[in-house]
PDB file of all heavy atoms in Angstrom:
ATOM      1  N   ARG A   1     189.208  52.707 104.899  1.00  0.00           N
ATOM      2  CA  ARG A   1     188.770  53.057 106.259  1.00  0.00           C
ATOM      3  C   ARG A   1     187.772  52.011 106.731  1.00  0.00           C
ATOM      4  O   ARG A   1     186.914  51.563 105.964  1.00  0.00           O
ATOM      5  CB  ARG A   1     188.116  54.439 106.222  1.00  0.00           C
ATOM      6  CG  ARG A   1     187.455  54.887 107.507  1.00  0.00           C
ATOM      7  CD  ARG A   1     188.417  55.602 108.429  1.00  0.00           C
ATOM      8  NE  ARG A   1     187.679  56.172 109.550  1.00  0.00           N
ATOM      9  CZ  ARG A   1     187.268  57.436 109.621  1.00  0.00           C
ATOM     10  NH1 ARG A   1     187.508  58.253 108.609  1.00  0.00           N
ATOM     11  NH2 ARG A   1     186.633  57.873 110.689  1.00  0.00           N
ATOM     12  N   SER A   2     187.859  51.610 107.980  1.00  0.00           N
ATOM     13  CA  SER A   2     186.894  50.702 108.580  1.00  0.00           C
ATOM     14  C   SER A   2     185.963  51.495 109.484  1.00  0.00           C
ATOM     15  O   SER A   2     186.423  52.340 110.272  1.00  0.00           O
ATOM     16  CB  SER A   2     187.600  49.613 109.405  1.00  0.00           C
ATOM     17  OG  SER A   2     188.302  48.730 108.557  1.00  0.00           O
ATOM     18  N   ILE A   3     184.673  51.251 109.339  1.00  0.00           N
ATOM     19  CA  ILE A   3     183.683  51.931 110.169  1.00  0.00           C
ATOM     20  C   ILE A   3     182.694  50.905 110.696  1.00  0.00           C
ATOM     21  O   ILE A   3     182.591  49.798 110.168  1.00  0.00           O
ATOM     22  CB  ILE A   3     182.914  53.016 109.383  1.00  0.00           C
ATOM     23  CG1 ILE A   3     182.163  52.398 108.194  1.00  0.00           C
ATOM     24  CG2 ILE A   3     183.845  54.119 108.911  1.00  0.00           C
ATOM     25  CD1 ILE A   3     181.231  53.363 107.477  1.00  0.00           C
ATOM     26  N   GLU A   4     181.973  51.260 111.753  1.00  0.00           N
ATOM     27  CA  GLU A   4     180.941  50.383 112.267  1.00  0.00           C
ATOM     28  C   GLU A   4     179.775  50.331 111.298  1.00  0.00           C
ATOM     29  O   GLU A   4     179.438  51.337 110.662  1.00  0.00           O
ATOM     30  CB  GLU A   4     180.447  50.886 113.629  1.00  0.00           C
ATOM     31  CG  GLU A   4     181.477  50.783 114.726  1.00  0.00           C
ATOM     32  CD  GLU A   4     180.920  51.249 116.063  1.00  0.00           C
ATOM     33  OE1 GLU A   4     179.746  51.683 116.096  1.00  0.00           O
ATOM     34  OE2 GLU A   4     181.651  51.169 117.059  1.00  0.00           O
ATOM     35  N   GLU A   5     179.159  49.177 111.164  1.00  0.00           N
ATOM     36  CA  GLU A   5     177.963  49.072 110.337  1.00  0.00           C
ATOM     37  C   GLU A   5     176.887  50.026 110.864  1.00  0.00           C
ATOM     38  O   GLU A   5     176.728  50.189 112.073  1.00  0.00           O
ATOM     39  CB  GLU A   5     177.435  47.636 110.352  1.00  0.00           C
ATOM     40  CG  GLU A   5     178.276  46.666 109.549  1.00  0.00           C
ATOM     41  CD  GLU A   5     177.627  45.283 109.486  1.00  0.00           C
ATOM     42  OE1 GLU A   5     176.467  45.147 109.920  1.00  0.00           O
ATOM     43  OE2 GLU A   5     178.297  44.353 109.006  1.00  0.00           O
ATOM     44  N   GLY A   6     176.184  50.662 109.941  1.00  0.00           N
ATOM     45  CA  GLY A   6     175.135  51.595 110.334  1.00  0.00           C
ATOM     46  C   GLY A   6     175.616  53.014 110.545  1.00  0.00           C
ATOM     47  O   GLY A   6     174.819  53.907 110.877  1.00  0.00           O
ATOM     48  N   THR A   7     176.910  53.250 110.357  1.00  0.00           N
ATOM     49  CA  THR A   7     177.437  54.609 110.527  1.00  0.00           C
ATOM     50  C   THR A   7     176.847  55.533 109.467  1.00  0.00           C
ATOM     51  O   THR A   7     176.822  55.206 108.278  1.00  0.00           O
ATOM     52  CB  THR A   7     178.973  54.613 110.414  1.00  0.00           C
ATOM     53  OG1 THR A   7     179.518  53.835 111.464  1.00  0.00           O
ATOM     54  CG2 THR A   7     179.526  56.032 110.498  1.00  0.00           C
ATOM     55  N   THR A   8     176.385  56.687 109.897  1.00  0.00           N
ATOM     56  CA  THR A   8     175.839  57.685 108.970  1.00  0.00           C
ATOM     57  C   THR A   8     176.923  58.671 108.562  1.00  0.00           C
ATOM     58  O   THR A   8     177.986  58.757 109.191  1.00  0.00           O
ATOM     59  CB  THR A   8     174.689  58.465 109.618  1.00  0.00           C
ATOM     60  OG1 THR A   8     175.208  59.219 110.728  1.00  0.00           O
ATOM     61  CG2 THR A   8     173.579  57.535 110.077  1.00  0.00           C
ATOM     62  N   GLY A   9     176.612  59.435 107.525  1.00  0.00           N
ATOM     63  CA  GLY A   9     177.529  60.498 107.133  1.00  0.00           C
ATOM     64  C   GLY A   9     177.707  61.524 108.227  1.00  0.00           C
ATOM     65  O   GLY A   9     178.797  62.090 108.397  1.00  0.00           O
ATOM     66  N   THR A  10     176.650  61.761 109.013  1.00  0.00           N
ATOM     67  CA  THR A  10     176.742  62.716 110.118  1.00  0.00           C
ATOM     68  C   THR A  10     177.821  62.287 111.102  1.00  0.00           C
ATOM     69  O   THR A  10     178.644  63.109 111.543  1.00  0.00           O
ATOM     70  CB  THR A  10     175.384  62.817 110.842  1.00  0.00           C
ATOM     71  OG1 THR A  10     174.380  63.193 109.903  1.00  0.00           O
ATOM     72  CG2 THR A  10     175.446  63.834 111.961  1.00  0.00           C
ATOM     73  N   ALA A  11     177.828  61.007 111.457  1.00  0.00           N
ATOM     74  CA  ALA A  11     178.837  60.501 112.391  1.00  0.00           C
ATOM     75  C   ALA A  11     180.218  60.468 111.754  1.00  0.00           C
ATOM     76  O   ALA A  11     181.232  60.771 112.396  1.00  0.00           O
ATOM     77  CB  ALA A  11     178.440  59.107 112.866  1.00  0.00           C
ATOM     78  N   LEU A  12     180.263  60.110 110.455  1.00  0.00           N
ATOM     79  CA  LEU A  12     181.546  59.976 109.769  1.00  0.00           C
ATOM     80  C   LEU A  12     182.277  61.311 109.683  1.00  0.00           C
ATOM     81  O   LEU A  12     183.503  61.374 109.806  1.00  0.00           O
ATOM     82  CB  LEU A  12     181.301  59.408 108.363  1.00  0.00           C
ATOM     83  CG  LEU A  12     182.526  58.994 107.556  1.00  0.00           C
ATOM     84  CD1 LEU A  12     183.288  57.876 108.259  1.00  0.00           C
ATOM     85  CD2 LEU A  12     182.103  58.540 106.163  1.00  0.00           C
ATOM     86  N   PHE A  13     181.510  62.395 109.516  1.00  0.00           N
ATOM     87  CA  PHE A  13     182.133  63.708 109.327  1.00  0.00           C
ATOM     88  C   PHE A  13     181.846  64.657 110.493  1.00  0.00           C
ATOM     89  O   PHE A  13     181.888  65.874 110.329  1.00  0.00           O
ATOM     90  CB  PHE A  13     181.622  64.339 108.019  1.00  0.00           C
ATOM     91  CG  PHE A  13     182.014  63.596 106.781  1.00  0.00           C
ATOM     92  CD1 PHE A  13     181.089  62.829 106.093  1.00  0.00           C
ATOM     93  CD2 PHE A  13     183.317  63.638 106.309  1.00  0.00           C
ATOM     94  CE1 PHE A  13     181.438  62.133 104.949  1.00  0.00           C
ATOM     95  CE2 PHE A  13     183.683  62.945 105.167  1.00  0.00           C
ATOM     96  CZ  PHE A  13     182.743  62.181 104.480  1.00  0.00           C
ATOM     97  N   GLU A  14     181.574  64.097 111.682  1.00  0.00           N
ATOM     98  CA  GLU A  14     181.188  64.944 112.805  1.00  0.00           C
ATOM     99  C   GLU A  14     182.287  65.924 113.210  1.00  0.00           C
ATOM    100  O   GLU A  14     181.999  66.982 113.787  1.00  0.00           O
ATOM    101  CB  GLU A  14     180.791  64.080 114.005  1.00  0.00           C
ATOM    102  CG  GLU A  14     181.898  63.201 114.552  1.00  0.00           C
ATOM    103  CD  GLU A  14     181.424  62.357 115.733  1.00  0.00           C
ATOM    104  OE1 GLU A  14     180.344  62.680 116.274  1.00  0.00           O
ATOM    105  OE2 GLU A  14     182.117  61.384 116.092  1.00  0.00           O
ATOM    106  N   ALA A  15     183.530  65.612 112.884  1.00  0.00           N
ATOM    107  CA  ALA A  15     184.628  66.497 113.273  1.00  0.00           C
ATOM    108  C   ALA A  15     184.844  67.639 112.281  1.00  0.00           C
ATOM    109  O   ALA A  15     185.635  68.548 112.551  1.00  0.00           O
ATOM    110  CB  ALA A  15     185.923  65.692 113.423  1.00  0.00           C
ATOM    111  N   ASP A  16     184.168  67.584 111.150  1.00  0.00           N
ATOM    112  CA  ASP A  16     184.371  68.613 110.113  1.00  0.00           C
ATOM    113  C   ASP A  16     183.049  69.321 109.853  1.00  0.00           C
ATOM    114  O   ASP A  16     182.192  68.821 109.128  1.00  0.00           O
ATOM    115  CB  ASP A  16     184.895  67.965 108.827  1.00  0.00           C
ATOM    116  CG  ASP A  16     185.389  69.007 107.824  1.00  0.00           C
ATOM    117  OD1 ASP A  16     185.014  70.192 107.964  1.00  0.00           O
ATOM    118  OD2 ASP A  16     186.130  68.627 106.902  1.00  0.00           O
ATOM    119  N   ARG A  17     182.878  70.483 110.424  1.00  0.00           N
ATOM    120  CA  ARG A  17     181.618  71.207 110.305  1.00  0.00           C
ATOM    121  C   ARG A  17     181.401  71.818 108.923  1.00  0.00           C
ATOM    122  O   ARG A  17     180.303  72.268 108.614  1.00  0.00           O
ATOM    123  CB  ARG A  17     181.541  72.310 111.369  1.00  0.00           C
ATOM    124  CG  ARG A  17     181.467  71.767 112.787  1.00  0.00           C
ATOM    125  CD  ARG A  17     181.173  72.866 113.781  1.00  0.00           C
ATOM    126  NE  ARG A  17     180.999  72.330 115.128  1.00  0.00           N
ATOM    127  CZ  ARG A  17     180.664  73.065 116.183  1.00  0.00           C
ATOM    128  NH1 ARG A  17     180.490  74.377 116.036  1.00  0.00           N
ATOM    129  NH2 ARG A  17     180.526  72.506 117.370  1.00  0.00           N
ATOM    130  N   ASP A  18     182.443  71.849 108.104  1.00  0.00           N
ATOM    131  CA  ASP A  18     182.293  72.388 106.750  1.00  0.00           C
ATOM    132  C   ASP A  18     181.574  71.411 105.826  1.00  0.00           C
ATOM    133  O   ASP A  18     181.087  71.802 104.760  1.00  0.00           O
ATOM    134  CB  ASP A  18     183.667  72.717 106.142  1.00  0.00           C
ATOM    135  CG  ASP A  18     184.314  73.909 106.823  1.00  0.00           C
ATOM    136  OD1 ASP A  18     183.566  74.747 107.381  1.00  0.00           O
ATOM    137  OD2 ASP A  18     185.550  73.998 106.800  1.00  0.00           O
ATOM    138  N   VAL A  19     181.498  70.140 106.217  1.00  0.00           N
ATOM    139  CA  VAL A  19     180.886  69.121 105.371  1.00  0.00           C
ATOM    140  C   VAL A  19     179.375  69.149 105.576  1.00  0.00           C
ATOM    141  O   VAL A  19     178.881  69.032 106.704  1.00  0.00           O
ATOM    142  CB  VAL A  19     181.447  67.728 105.696  1.00  0.00           C
ATOM    143  CG1 VAL A  19     180.745  66.665 104.854  1.00  0.00           C
ATOM    144  CG2 VAL A  19     182.954  67.692 105.435  1.00  0.00           C
ATOM    145  N   VAL A  20     178.632  69.299 104.468  1.00  0.00           N
ATOM    146  CA  VAL A  20     177.166  69.399 104.552  1.00  0.00           C
ATOM    147  C   VAL A  20     176.467  68.239 103.855  1.00  0.00           C
ATOM    148  O   VAL A  20     175.255  68.079 103.980  1.00  0.00           O
ATOM    149  CB  VAL A  20     176.675  70.738 103.954  1.00  0.00           C
ATOM    150  CG1 VAL A  20     177.190  71.909 104.766  1.00  0.00           C
ATOM    151  CG2 VAL A  20     177.071  70.857 102.482  1.00  0.00           C
ATOM    152  N   ALA A  21     177.200  67.433 103.114  1.00  0.00           N
ATOM    153  CA  ALA A  21     176.657  66.266 102.425  1.00  0.00           C
ATOM    154  C   ALA A  21     177.836  65.392 102.038  1.00  0.00           C
ATOM    155  O   ALA A  21     178.998  65.706 102.350  1.00  0.00           O
ATOM    156  CB  ALA A  21     175.844  66.680 101.201  1.00  0.00           C
ATOM    157  N   MET A  22     177.560  64.289 101.369  1.00  0.00           N
ATOM    158  CA  MET A  22     178.651  63.401 100.967  1.00  0.00           C
ATOM    159  C   MET A  22     178.342  62.785  99.614  1.00  0.00           C
ATOM    160  O   MET A  22     177.177  62.702  99.208  1.00  0.00           O
ATOM    161  CB  MET A  22     178.843  62.295 102.007  1.00  0.00           C
ATOM    162  CG  MET A  22     177.606  61.435 102.233  1.00  0.00           C
ATOM    163  SD  MET A  22     177.840  60.169 103.507  1.00  0.00           S
ATOM    164  CE  MET A  22     176.177  59.518 103.678  1.00  0.00           C
ATOM    165  N   LYS A  23     179.398  62.405  98.925  1.00  0.00           N
ATOM    166  CA  LYS A  23     179.235  61.628  97.708  1.00  0.00           C
ATOM    167  C   LYS A  23     179.471  60.168  98.039  1.00  0.00           C
ATOM    168  O   LYS A  23     180.485  59.816  98.650  1.00  0.00           O
ATOM    169  CB  LYS A  23     180.234  62.077  96.630  1.00  0.00           C
ATOM    170  CG  LYS A  23     179.767  63.250  95.801  1.00  0.00           C
ATOM    171  CD  LYS A  23     180.697  63.478  94.625  1.00  0.00           C
ATOM    172  CE  LYS A  23     180.182  64.596  93.734  1.00  0.00           C
ATOM    173  NZ  LYS A  23     181.094  64.833  92.582  1.00  0.00           N
ATOM    174  N   VAL A  24     178.527  59.331  97.641  1.00  0.00           N
ATOM    175  CA  VAL A  24     178.653  57.893  97.834  1.00  0.00           C
ATOM    176  C   VAL A  24     178.654  57.246  96.452  1.00  0.00           C
ATOM    177  O   VAL A  24     177.666  57.336  95.721  1.00  0.00           O
ATOM    178  CB  VAL A  24     177.498  57.350  98.696  1.00  0.00           C
ATOM    179  CG1 VAL A  24     177.586  55.833  98.808  1.00  0.00           C
ATOM    180  CG2 VAL A  24     177.523  57.990 100.078  1.00  0.00           C
ATOM    181  N   ASP A  25     179.806  56.681  96.095  1.00  0.00           N
ATOM    182  CA  ASP A  25     179.989  56.103  94.758  1.00  0.00           C
ATOM    183  C   ASP A  25     179.622  57.113  93.675  1.00  0.00           C
ATOM    184  O   ASP A  25     178.965  56.790  92.677  1.00  0.00           O
ATOM    185  CB  ASP A  25     179.161  54.829  94.609  1.00  0.00           C
ATOM    186  CG  ASP A  25     179.622  53.726  95.562  1.00  0.00           C
ATOM    187  OD1 ASP A  25     180.816  53.712  95.900  1.00  0.00           O
ATOM    188  OD2 ASP A  25     178.776  52.907  95.976  1.00  0.00           O
ATOM    189  N   GLY A  26     180.026  58.358  93.904  1.00  0.00           N
ATOM    190  CA  GLY A  26     179.853  59.411  92.914  1.00  0.00           C
ATOM    191  C   GLY A  26     178.531  60.141  92.971  1.00  0.00           C
ATOM    192  O   GLY A  26     178.358  61.138  92.266  1.00  0.00           O
ATOM    193  N   GLU A  27     177.567  59.696  93.807  1.00  0.00           N
ATOM    194  CA  GLU A  27     176.257  60.324  93.884  1.00  0.00           C
ATOM    195  C   GLU A  27     176.120  61.117  95.176  1.00  0.00           C
ATOM    196  O   GLU A  27     176.452  60.615  96.257  1.00  0.00           O
ATOM    197  CB  GLU A  27     175.149  59.263  93.828  1.00  0.00           C
ATOM    198  CG  GLU A  27     175.041  58.548  92.492  1.00  0.00           C
ATOM    199  CD  GLU A  27     174.628  59.479  91.368  1.00  0.00           C
ATOM    200  OE1 GLU A  27     173.792  60.363  91.619  1.00  0.00           O
ATOM    201  OE2 GLU A  27     175.149  59.329  90.251  1.00  0.00           O
ATOM    202  N   PRO A  28     175.622  62.369  95.105  1.00  0.00           N
ATOM    203  CA  PRO A  28     175.432  63.153  96.335  1.00  0.00           C
ATOM    204  C   PRO A  28     174.353  62.534  97.227  1.00  0.00           C
ATOM    205  O   PRO A  28     173.270  62.179  96.760  1.00  0.00           O
ATOM    206  CB  PRO A  28     174.983  64.526  95.810  1.00  0.00           C
ATOM    207  CG  PRO A  28     175.424  64.571  94.382  1.00  0.00           C
ATOM    208  CD  PRO A  28     175.324  63.159  93.893  1.00  0.00           C
ATOM    209  N   TRP A  29     174.648  62.423  98.508  1.00  0.00           N
ATOM    210  CA  TRP A  29     173.733  61.861  99.506  1.00  0.00           C
ATOM    211  C   TRP A  29     173.615  62.821 100.685  1.00  0.00           C
ATOM    212  O   TRP A  29     174.540  63.586 100.993  1.00  0.00           O
ATOM    213  CB  TRP A  29     174.251  60.521 100.036  1.00  0.00           C
ATOM    214  CG  TRP A  29     173.992  59.329  99.169  1.00  0.00           C
ATOM    215  CD1 TRP A  29     173.844  59.299  97.819  1.00  0.00           C
ATOM    216  CD2 TRP A  29     173.886  57.974  99.618  1.00  0.00           C
ATOM    217  NE1 TRP A  29     173.651  58.023  97.383  1.00  0.00           N
ATOM    218  CE2 TRP A  29     173.665  57.176  98.467  1.00  0.00           C
ATOM    219  CE3 TRP A  29     173.956  57.348 100.853  1.00  0.00           C
ATOM    220  CZ2 TRP A  29     173.522  55.789  98.527  1.00  0.00           C
ATOM    221  CZ3 TRP A  29     173.807  55.968 100.926  1.00  0.00           C
ATOM    222  CH2 TRP A  29     173.587  55.194  99.776  1.00  0.00           C
ATOM    223  N   ASP A  30     172.477  62.697 101.403  1.00  0.00           N
ATOM    224  CA  ASP A  30     172.341  63.382 102.688  1.00  0.00           C
ATOM    225  C   ASP A  30     173.301  62.777 103.701  1.00  0.00           C
ATOM    226  O   ASP A  30     173.570  61.561 103.690  1.00  0.00           O
ATOM    227  CB  ASP A  30     170.919  63.214 103.244  1.00  0.00           C
ATOM    228  CG  ASP A  30     169.861  63.744 102.300  1.00  0.00           C
ATOM    229  OD1 ASP A  30     169.894  64.944 102.005  1.00  0.00           O
ATOM    230  OD2 ASP A  30     169.003  62.939 101.864  1.00  0.00           O
ATOM    231  N   LEU A  31     173.763  63.586 104.656  1.00  0.00           N
ATOM    232  CA  LEU A  31     174.633  63.069 105.709  1.00  0.00           C
ATOM    233  C   LEU A  31     173.909  62.089 106.624  1.00  0.00           C
ATOM    234  O   LEU A  31     174.533  61.205 107.223  1.00  0.00           O
ATOM    235  CB  LEU A  31     175.182  64.231 106.547  1.00  0.00           C
ATOM    236  CG  LEU A  31     176.267  65.098 105.897  1.00  0.00           C
ATOM    237  CD1 LEU A  31     176.694  66.201 106.858  1.00  0.00           C
ATOM    238  CD2 LEU A  31     177.483  64.264 105.487  1.00  0.00           C
ATOM    239  N   ALA A  32     172.585  62.224 106.734  1.00  0.00           N
ATOM    240  CA  ALA A  32     171.834  61.371 107.660  1.00  0.00           C
ATOM    241  C   ALA A  32     171.720  59.931 107.187  1.00  0.00           C
ATOM    242  O   ALA A  32     171.331  59.045 107.962  1.00  0.00           O
ATOM    243  CB  ALA A  32     170.439  61.952 107.874  1.00  0.00           C
TER     244      ALA A  32
END
């Protein structure tokens, strides 16, 4: 997937309200 530099998890998953955090390279991160 290609995204704009500086994109946050909040923007990346804005269409899915069930998502509350994200894993980045296997580590849990805040969406912000």
